Protein backbone atom coordinates (compact mmCIF):
# COMPACT_ATOMS: atom_id res chain seq x y z
CA MET A 1 -49.64 231.52 93.17
CA LEU A 2 -49.13 234.43 90.79
CA PRO A 3 -51.44 237.45 90.90
CA GLU A 4 -53.43 238.44 87.82
CA ARG A 5 -51.90 241.87 87.19
CA ILE A 6 -48.19 241.45 86.44
CA LEU A 7 -45.83 243.99 84.87
CA ILE A 8 -42.50 242.85 83.40
CA ILE A 9 -39.93 245.66 83.19
CA GLY A 10 -37.03 244.95 80.85
CA LEU A 11 -37.22 242.71 77.82
CA GLY A 12 -34.30 240.85 76.23
CA GLN A 13 -33.65 237.17 76.90
CA THR A 14 -34.54 237.29 80.61
CA GLY A 15 -37.66 239.39 80.06
CA LEU A 16 -38.90 236.98 77.41
CA SER A 17 -38.34 234.05 79.79
CA CYS A 18 -40.48 235.88 82.37
CA LEU A 19 -43.18 236.44 79.74
CA HIS A 20 -43.25 232.75 78.76
CA TYR A 21 -43.34 231.79 82.45
CA CYS A 22 -46.44 233.94 83.02
CA LEU A 23 -48.23 232.87 79.83
CA ALA A 24 -47.64 229.18 80.68
CA ARG A 25 -49.52 229.83 83.94
CA GLY A 26 -52.48 231.48 82.24
CA ILE A 27 -51.52 235.07 83.04
CA THR A 28 -51.06 237.77 80.42
CA PRO A 29 -48.58 240.36 81.72
CA VAL A 30 -47.90 243.90 80.60
CA VAL A 31 -44.38 244.58 79.28
CA MET A 32 -42.38 247.78 79.74
CA ASP A 33 -38.87 248.83 78.71
CA THR A 34 -36.98 252.13 78.81
CA ARG A 35 -35.60 251.41 75.32
CA THR A 36 -37.71 252.38 72.34
CA CYS A 37 -36.90 249.16 70.51
CA PRO A 38 -35.67 246.62 73.09
CA PRO A 39 -34.19 243.28 72.05
CA GLY A 40 -36.90 240.65 71.81
CA ALA A 41 -39.67 243.13 70.98
CA ASP A 42 -40.26 241.37 67.66
CA GLN A 43 -41.00 238.15 69.57
CA LEU A 44 -43.86 239.60 71.62
CA PRO A 45 -47.31 238.17 70.82
CA GLU A 46 -49.60 240.83 69.36
CA HIS A 47 -52.04 240.76 72.27
CA ILE A 48 -49.37 241.77 74.84
CA GLU A 49 -49.78 245.34 76.12
CA ARG A 50 -46.44 247.13 75.91
CA HIS A 51 -44.92 250.47 76.90
CA PHE A 52 -41.53 251.30 75.39
CA GLY A 53 -39.24 254.32 75.70
CA GLU A 54 -39.68 255.24 79.37
CA LEU A 55 -40.95 254.04 82.73
CA LYS A 56 -44.64 254.88 82.98
CA LEU A 57 -45.93 255.16 86.51
CA ALA A 58 -49.61 254.37 85.84
CA PRO A 59 -49.05 250.76 84.66
CA MET A 60 -46.57 250.28 87.50
CA LEU A 61 -49.08 251.38 90.13
CA ALA A 62 -51.80 249.26 88.51
CA ALA A 63 -49.72 246.08 88.86
CA GLN A 64 -49.93 243.64 91.75
CA LEU A 65 -46.47 242.28 90.97
CA ILE A 66 -43.55 243.84 89.08
CA ILE A 67 -40.87 241.51 87.69
CA ALA A 68 -37.96 243.90 87.28
CA SER A 69 -34.87 243.46 85.14
CA PRO A 70 -31.64 243.21 87.16
CA GLY A 71 -30.40 246.20 85.20
CA LEU A 72 -32.97 248.41 86.92
CA ALA A 73 -31.93 249.40 90.43
CA LEU A 74 -34.50 249.13 93.20
CA ALA A 75 -33.53 252.70 94.09
CA THR A 76 -35.08 253.92 90.81
CA PRO A 77 -37.67 256.57 91.90
CA ALA A 78 -40.54 255.02 89.92
CA LEU A 79 -39.90 251.61 91.51
CA GLN A 80 -39.70 253.25 94.91
CA GLN A 81 -43.11 254.86 94.32
CA ALA A 82 -44.62 251.56 93.25
CA GLN A 83 -43.14 249.78 96.27
CA ALA A 84 -44.46 252.47 98.59
CA ALA A 85 -47.90 251.93 97.07
CA GLY A 86 -47.74 248.25 98.04
CA VAL A 87 -46.68 246.71 94.73
CA GLU A 88 -44.41 243.69 95.22
CA ILE A 89 -41.18 243.88 93.20
CA VAL A 90 -39.19 240.74 92.42
CA GLY A 91 -36.73 239.46 89.84
CA ASP A 92 -36.77 236.28 87.81
CA ILE A 93 -34.46 234.55 90.31
CA GLU A 94 -37.03 235.06 93.08
CA LEU A 95 -39.72 233.42 90.95
CA PHE A 96 -37.35 230.55 90.18
CA VAL A 97 -36.38 229.79 93.78
CA ARG A 98 -40.02 229.89 94.90
CA GLU A 99 -40.85 227.10 92.48
CA CYS A 100 -37.64 225.06 92.14
CA GLN A 101 -37.75 221.75 94.02
CA ALA A 102 -34.13 220.77 93.28
CA PRO A 103 -31.16 221.74 95.49
CA ILE A 104 -29.56 225.02 94.41
CA VAL A 105 -25.86 225.88 94.36
CA ALA A 106 -25.63 229.69 94.37
CA ILE A 107 -22.46 231.49 93.28
CA THR A 108 -21.59 235.17 93.41
CA GLY A 109 -18.50 237.38 93.72
CA SER A 110 -16.87 240.23 91.88
CA ASN A 111 -14.83 237.87 89.70
CA GLY A 112 -14.74 234.21 88.77
CA LYS A 113 -18.51 233.58 89.00
CA SER A 114 -18.89 232.19 85.50
CA THR A 115 -15.83 229.95 85.80
CA VAL A 116 -16.96 228.38 89.08
CA THR A 117 -20.57 228.06 87.92
CA THR A 118 -19.44 226.31 84.75
CA LEU A 119 -17.07 224.02 86.67
CA VAL A 120 -19.75 222.88 89.14
CA GLY A 121 -22.26 222.40 86.32
CA GLU A 122 -19.82 220.30 84.30
CA MET A 123 -18.89 218.26 87.37
CA ALA A 124 -22.55 217.43 87.96
CA SER A 125 -23.07 216.57 84.31
CA GLU A 126 -19.96 214.37 84.33
CA ALA A 127 -21.50 212.47 87.25
CA GLY A 128 -24.73 211.90 85.32
CA ILE A 129 -26.77 214.34 87.40
CA LYS A 130 -29.61 216.18 85.61
CA VAL A 131 -28.31 219.70 86.18
CA GLY A 132 -29.48 223.13 85.08
CA VAL A 133 -26.90 225.91 84.83
CA GLY A 134 -27.93 229.54 84.38
CA GLY A 135 -28.96 232.78 86.03
CA ASN A 136 -26.46 235.51 85.21
CA ILE A 137 -24.74 233.16 82.76
CA GLY A 138 -26.28 231.50 79.71
CA THR A 139 -29.83 230.28 80.23
CA PRO A 140 -32.31 232.46 82.15
CA ALA A 141 -33.20 230.75 85.42
CA LEU A 142 -36.92 230.33 84.68
CA ASP A 143 -36.08 228.34 81.55
CA LEU A 144 -34.35 225.75 83.77
CA LEU A 145 -37.53 224.76 85.61
CA SER A 146 -38.35 221.12 84.98
CA SER A 147 -39.73 218.20 86.94
CA GLU A 148 -36.59 216.27 85.94
CA LEU A 149 -34.17 218.84 87.37
CA ALA A 150 -31.99 217.26 90.08
CA LEU A 151 -29.62 220.20 90.72
CA ALA A 152 -29.58 223.89 89.81
CA VAL A 153 -26.29 225.81 89.65
CA LEU A 154 -26.88 229.56 89.50
CA GLU A 155 -24.50 232.43 88.89
CA LEU A 156 -26.02 235.42 90.66
CA SER A 157 -25.04 239.06 90.31
CA SER A 158 -25.50 241.61 93.07
CA PHE A 159 -28.23 243.12 90.89
CA GLN A 160 -30.16 239.85 90.91
CA LEU A 161 -29.69 239.40 94.65
CA GLU A 162 -31.33 242.78 95.27
CA THR A 163 -34.73 241.35 94.29
CA THR A 164 -34.26 237.79 95.64
CA ARG A 165 -35.58 237.15 99.16
CA SER A 166 -36.57 233.47 99.24
CA LEU A 167 -33.28 231.81 98.25
CA SER A 168 -32.38 228.85 100.48
CA ALA A 169 -29.37 227.46 98.66
CA ALA A 170 -27.98 224.04 99.50
CA ALA A 171 -24.55 225.67 99.21
CA ALA A 172 -23.63 229.28 98.50
CA THR A 173 -20.39 231.14 97.96
CA VAL A 174 -19.08 234.67 97.66
CA LEU A 175 -15.83 234.13 95.77
CA ASN A 176 -14.28 237.56 96.30
CA ILE A 177 -15.16 241.21 96.76
CA SER A 178 -13.55 244.12 94.94
CA GLU A 179 -14.75 247.54 93.86
CA ASP A 180 -17.37 247.23 91.14
CA HIS A 181 -20.66 248.86 90.20
CA LEU A 182 -20.02 251.82 92.49
CA ASP A 183 -22.04 253.83 90.00
CA ARG A 184 -25.02 251.85 91.37
CA TYR A 185 -24.09 251.30 95.04
CA ASP A 186 -23.33 254.13 97.43
CA SER A 187 -20.28 252.37 98.92
CA LEU A 188 -18.18 249.24 98.73
CA ALA A 189 -19.86 248.09 101.97
CA HIS A 190 -23.30 248.43 100.37
CA TYR A 191 -22.13 246.37 97.38
CA ARG A 192 -20.52 243.76 99.66
CA ASP A 193 -23.58 243.44 101.90
CA THR A 194 -25.77 242.86 98.86
CA LYS A 195 -23.48 240.01 97.80
CA LEU A 196 -23.41 238.49 101.30
CA GLU A 197 -27.19 238.04 101.25
CA ILE A 198 -26.57 234.90 99.18
CA TYR A 199 -25.57 233.14 102.43
CA HIS A 200 -28.94 233.76 104.11
CA ARG A 201 -30.56 230.37 104.87
CA ALA A 202 -27.85 228.49 102.91
CA GLY A 203 -27.10 224.94 104.03
CA LEU A 204 -23.37 225.61 103.63
CA ALA A 205 -21.51 228.91 103.29
CA VAL A 206 -18.27 228.61 101.28
CA TYR A 207 -15.97 231.62 101.71
CA ASN A 208 -12.54 232.73 100.55
CA ARG A 209 -9.82 232.73 103.23
CA GLU A 210 -7.80 235.14 101.08
CA ASP A 211 -10.59 237.75 101.21
CA ASP A 212 -12.09 238.42 104.63
CA GLN A 213 -14.92 240.41 103.08
CA THR A 214 -16.41 237.15 101.80
CA ARG A 215 -16.81 235.70 105.30
CA PRO A 216 -20.51 235.08 106.10
CA PRO A 217 -21.93 237.37 108.80
CA ARG A 218 -23.99 234.47 110.20
CA SER A 219 -23.90 230.77 109.43
CA ASP A 220 -23.71 227.52 111.36
CA ALA A 221 -22.11 225.56 108.54
CA THR A 222 -19.06 227.08 106.85
CA VAL A 223 -16.06 225.89 104.93
CA SER A 224 -13.31 227.95 103.32
CA PHE A 225 -10.94 227.82 100.38
CA GLY A 226 -7.57 229.46 100.05
CA LEU A 227 -3.92 229.04 99.14
CA ASP A 228 -2.68 227.40 102.36
CA HIS A 229 -3.39 223.86 103.58
CA THR A 230 -6.59 224.60 105.56
CA ASP A 231 -9.99 223.19 104.46
CA TYR A 232 -9.84 223.40 100.65
CA GLY A 233 -6.35 224.61 99.82
CA ARG A 234 -2.88 223.62 98.59
CA VAL A 235 -0.12 221.37 99.92
CA GLN A 236 3.31 220.28 98.77
CA HIS A 237 3.26 216.65 97.65
CA GLN A 238 5.70 214.58 95.59
CA GLY A 239 7.86 217.62 94.96
CA GLU A 240 5.12 219.91 93.64
CA LEU A 241 2.05 221.91 94.65
CA TRP A 242 -1.28 220.06 94.82
CA LEU A 243 -4.88 221.14 95.37
CA SER A 244 -5.96 219.64 98.67
CA ARG A 245 -9.05 218.77 100.66
CA PHE A 246 -8.54 219.14 104.42
CA GLY A 247 -4.80 218.61 104.03
CA GLU A 248 -5.04 215.60 101.71
CA PRO A 249 -3.56 216.09 98.21
CA VAL A 250 -6.14 215.71 95.46
CA LEU A 251 -4.77 217.03 92.17
CA PRO A 252 -1.41 218.52 91.12
CA VAL A 253 -1.72 222.19 90.21
CA SER A 254 0.26 221.34 87.06
CA ALA A 255 -2.68 219.20 85.88
CA LEU A 256 -4.93 222.26 85.61
CA LYS A 257 -5.31 223.80 82.16
CA ILE A 258 -6.55 227.09 83.63
CA LEU A 259 -3.73 229.44 84.58
CA GLY A 260 -2.95 231.39 87.72
CA THR A 261 -3.62 231.38 91.45
CA HIS A 262 -7.03 232.98 90.93
CA ASN A 263 -8.08 229.95 88.89
CA GLN A 264 -6.68 227.62 91.54
CA LEU A 265 -9.00 229.37 93.99
CA ASN A 266 -11.87 228.94 91.53
CA ALA A 267 -11.13 225.21 91.30
CA LEU A 268 -11.05 224.87 95.10
CA ALA A 269 -14.36 226.72 95.48
CA ALA A 270 -15.94 224.44 92.89
CA MET A 271 -14.65 221.37 94.76
CA ALA A 272 -16.12 222.59 98.06
CA LEU A 273 -19.54 223.26 96.50
CA ALA A 274 -19.51 219.98 94.58
CA ASP A 275 -18.65 217.95 97.69
CA TRP A 276 -21.59 219.40 99.61
CA VAL A 277 -24.11 218.39 96.93
CA LYS A 278 -22.51 214.94 96.69
CA ILE A 279 -20.89 215.16 93.26
CA PRO A 280 -18.31 212.33 93.26
CA GLN A 281 -14.64 213.25 93.41
CA ALA A 282 -13.90 211.28 90.22
CA ALA A 283 -16.27 213.53 88.27
CA GLN A 284 -14.76 216.66 89.84
CA LEU A 285 -11.20 215.69 88.91
CA ALA A 286 -12.15 214.66 85.38
CA VAL A 287 -13.55 218.14 84.77
CA LEU A 288 -10.65 219.96 86.47
CA ARG A 289 -8.15 218.08 84.30
CA ARG A 290 -9.84 218.99 81.01
CA PHE A 291 -11.40 222.42 81.63
CA SER A 292 -9.45 225.01 79.65
CA GLY A 293 -11.37 228.07 80.77
CA LEU A 294 -14.07 230.31 79.38
CA ALA A 295 -13.62 232.61 76.42
CA HIS A 296 -12.37 236.12 77.28
CA ARG A 297 -11.13 235.08 80.74
CA CYS A 298 -7.31 234.76 80.83
CA GLN A 299 -7.61 233.18 77.38
CA LEU A 300 -4.32 232.49 75.62
CA VAL A 301 -4.84 233.95 72.14
CA ALA A 302 -1.47 233.25 70.54
CA GLU A 303 2.27 233.19 70.94
CA LYS A 304 3.93 235.53 68.44
CA GLN A 305 7.71 235.73 68.21
CA GLY A 306 7.93 234.26 71.72
CA VAL A 307 5.42 236.77 73.19
CA LEU A 308 2.27 235.46 74.87
CA TRP A 309 -0.91 237.42 74.07
CA VAL A 310 -3.68 236.89 76.65
CA ASN A 311 -7.29 238.07 76.44
CA ASP A 312 -8.97 238.82 79.77
CA THR A 313 -11.46 241.41 78.50
CA LYS A 314 -13.88 240.10 81.17
CA ALA A 315 -11.66 241.83 83.74
CA THR A 316 -14.04 244.79 83.95
CA ASN A 317 -13.02 245.86 87.46
CA VAL A 318 -9.77 246.47 89.31
CA GLY A 319 -10.02 243.27 91.35
CA ALA A 320 -10.24 241.14 88.22
CA THR A 321 -7.22 242.90 86.72
CA LEU A 322 -5.19 242.38 89.90
CA ALA A 323 -6.09 238.67 89.83
CA ALA A 324 -5.16 238.36 86.15
CA ILE A 325 -1.78 240.03 86.69
CA ALA A 326 -1.03 237.82 89.70
CA GLY A 327 -2.02 234.74 87.74
CA MET A 328 0.06 235.55 84.68
CA SER A 329 3.07 236.63 86.75
CA GLU A 330 3.37 232.99 87.85
CA VAL A 331 3.73 231.63 84.32
CA VAL A 332 5.65 234.38 82.48
CA SER A 333 9.43 234.45 82.57
CA GLY A 334 9.78 237.90 81.03
CA ARG A 335 8.04 241.23 81.39
CA LEU A 336 4.28 241.89 81.55
CA TRP A 337 2.60 244.55 79.41
CA LEU A 338 -0.92 245.58 80.41
CA ILE A 339 -3.68 246.99 78.19
CA ALA A 340 -6.31 248.82 80.25
CA GLY A 341 -9.08 251.38 79.97
CA GLY A 342 -12.75 251.99 79.26
CA GLN A 343 -15.53 253.05 81.63
CA GLY A 344 -14.18 253.00 85.18
CA LYS A 345 -17.54 252.89 87.00
CA GLU A 346 -16.19 255.29 89.66
CA GLN A 347 -13.64 252.76 90.92
CA ASP A 348 -10.46 253.53 92.82
CA PHE A 349 -7.61 252.51 90.50
CA SER A 350 -4.87 253.03 93.11
CA PRO A 351 -4.50 249.27 93.93
CA LEU A 352 -2.81 248.99 90.52
CA ILE A 353 0.06 251.28 91.59
CA PRO A 354 2.20 248.62 93.35
CA LEU A 355 1.93 246.34 90.32
CA LEU A 356 3.01 249.15 88.01
CA GLN A 357 6.06 249.47 90.23
CA GLY A 358 6.62 245.70 90.14
CA PRO A 359 5.58 243.00 87.67
CA VAL A 360 4.01 245.31 85.06
CA ALA A 361 6.66 246.78 82.77
CA GLY A 362 4.22 249.19 81.19
CA MET A 363 0.51 249.92 80.89
CA VAL A 364 -1.07 251.27 77.72
CA CYS A 365 -4.35 253.10 78.33
CA PHE A 366 -7.29 253.96 76.11
CA GLY A 367 -10.98 254.74 76.50
CA GLN A 368 -13.17 257.10 78.48
CA ASP A 369 -11.33 256.97 81.82
CA ARG A 370 -7.79 256.48 80.51
CA HIS A 371 -6.53 259.67 82.16
CA GLN A 372 -7.19 258.24 85.64
CA LEU A 373 -5.07 255.23 84.72
CA LEU A 374 -2.34 257.31 83.10
CA ALA A 375 -1.95 259.29 86.33
CA LEU A 376 -1.08 256.19 88.37
CA ALA A 377 2.56 255.89 87.31
CA ASP A 378 5.23 257.03 84.87
CA ASN A 379 5.34 253.76 82.93
CA THR A 380 1.99 254.39 81.25
CA HIS A 381 1.29 255.25 77.63
CA GLU A 382 -1.79 256.85 76.09
CA VAL A 383 -3.39 255.64 72.85
CA SER A 384 -6.70 256.34 71.14
CA ASN A 385 -8.00 252.83 70.67
CA LEU A 386 -7.31 249.12 70.98
CA ASP A 387 -5.64 248.97 67.55
CA GLU A 388 -2.99 251.42 68.71
CA ALA A 389 -2.66 249.62 72.06
CA VAL A 390 -1.86 246.30 70.40
CA ALA A 391 0.56 247.95 67.98
CA TRP A 392 2.39 249.73 70.84
CA CYS A 393 2.68 246.53 72.87
CA ALA A 394 3.98 244.66 69.83
CA SER A 395 6.71 247.28 69.48
CA GLN A 396 7.70 246.93 73.17
CA ALA A 397 7.42 243.23 73.94
CA GLN A 398 10.24 240.75 73.45
CA ALA A 399 10.44 236.94 73.53
CA GLY A 400 9.46 235.67 76.97
CA ASP A 401 7.13 238.63 77.64
CA CYS A 402 3.35 238.62 77.95
CA VAL A 403 0.82 241.16 76.71
CA LEU A 404 -2.34 241.05 78.82
CA LEU A 405 -5.65 242.70 77.94
CA ALA A 406 -7.21 243.12 81.41
CA PRO A 407 -8.92 246.51 81.13
CA ALA A 408 -10.18 247.05 84.74
CA CYS A 409 -13.09 248.87 83.08
CA ALA A 410 -16.38 248.26 81.34
CA SER A 411 -16.38 248.37 77.55
CA PHE A 412 -19.50 250.43 76.83
CA ASP A 413 -17.66 253.62 75.87
CA MET A 414 -16.35 251.93 72.71
CA TYR A 415 -17.97 248.49 72.40
CA ALA A 416 -21.46 247.06 72.74
CA ARG A 417 -20.22 244.43 75.20
CA TYR A 418 -16.98 243.14 76.70
CA GLN A 419 -17.00 240.13 74.35
CA GLN A 420 -16.82 242.44 71.34
CA ARG A 421 -13.73 244.11 72.82
CA GLY A 422 -12.13 240.69 73.32
CA GLU A 423 -12.99 239.56 69.80
CA HIS A 424 -11.43 242.74 68.40
CA PHE A 425 -8.28 242.04 70.43
CA ILE A 426 -8.10 238.48 69.11
CA THR A 427 -8.45 239.73 65.52
CA LEU A 428 -5.68 242.28 66.01
CA VAL A 429 -3.32 239.74 67.60
CA GLU A 430 -3.91 237.14 64.92
CA ALA A 431 -3.04 239.75 62.29
CA LEU A 432 0.38 240.50 63.81
């Protein structure tokens, strides 16, 4: 049962879904946003009270329930004051899980969330299951609620998990942990522990054997995925490497259209989750054979004069860049040229050093925190923008090489979103 006095903080697509959720239940909320003209403001009904431009404490203290945008940290002083005054603070995911009657597959991690969420959703759909896919990807969770829903597959960010306390997923996974959002969390451990909350009350915890930080702190039912033969893994069969389930070969790695070991791990995680919610193996394999990946995630843009150009603009943290380099190193016969830079989010870039001494022939750096990247090694080159980065790589690369955009940084210093950076890269490559 919702209280009468509700404040929604943060508009946009998710905020509007929260508004419609409240109105459908006969409650008229107040809306607040720190932006003076937030996206979706033009869609607000005239009778909705609104406060734009800043957080105003009086409406916050007057509320019985605050539905906060994931972009607003719980540590925000105004939210702390409201919480201390007894105001309950939740996110849209909390409201969804309180009401959803269908089993939930919950997916988080520093990298690969969208790929695994999409895979599991497509596997369920292939099997004829009425599935809703959303959360941090695509459709806001509250818009998935339906009496016909048979399975919900949710991508969840650490930000969303901060305000979610009632999740009891049928199966949950933390795919991997690497430094990210350290401008919001006070340590990597704090960030990791927020992610690990997804396992709380889960029917099955699915963790990554290659990353011990993903191991659940407490769970009776666990299964793992990794690159050896254990649980969900890989085995040699008929002269090649196959994805396997408890040692039994299931699908040759060569049948996957998605590239790299990181995507093999994503496929194995999806299989483990799908098995637990009884998605038939035939449906799983049909999807794994045809799925070619999501845009801006190790996306092959073109081959120009024998050089592969790959767009992984979604690699907005060091862990994602490491995974992309490892994945491409498997399929490239020549040298690897890396384009990196942007807003570093206070990450430690030093894990890139061994790769700059190994598979990466050179790294071209641009953006706000380029100087931190330039200092990592001698085989780095400074440019002012992505145009110059592509031009420099084109002058260096030869047939058999690969140029990889995997920035290890957020895009907001130069682009509105990471997709815009990737689209710019695609345009530049196509013009070569």
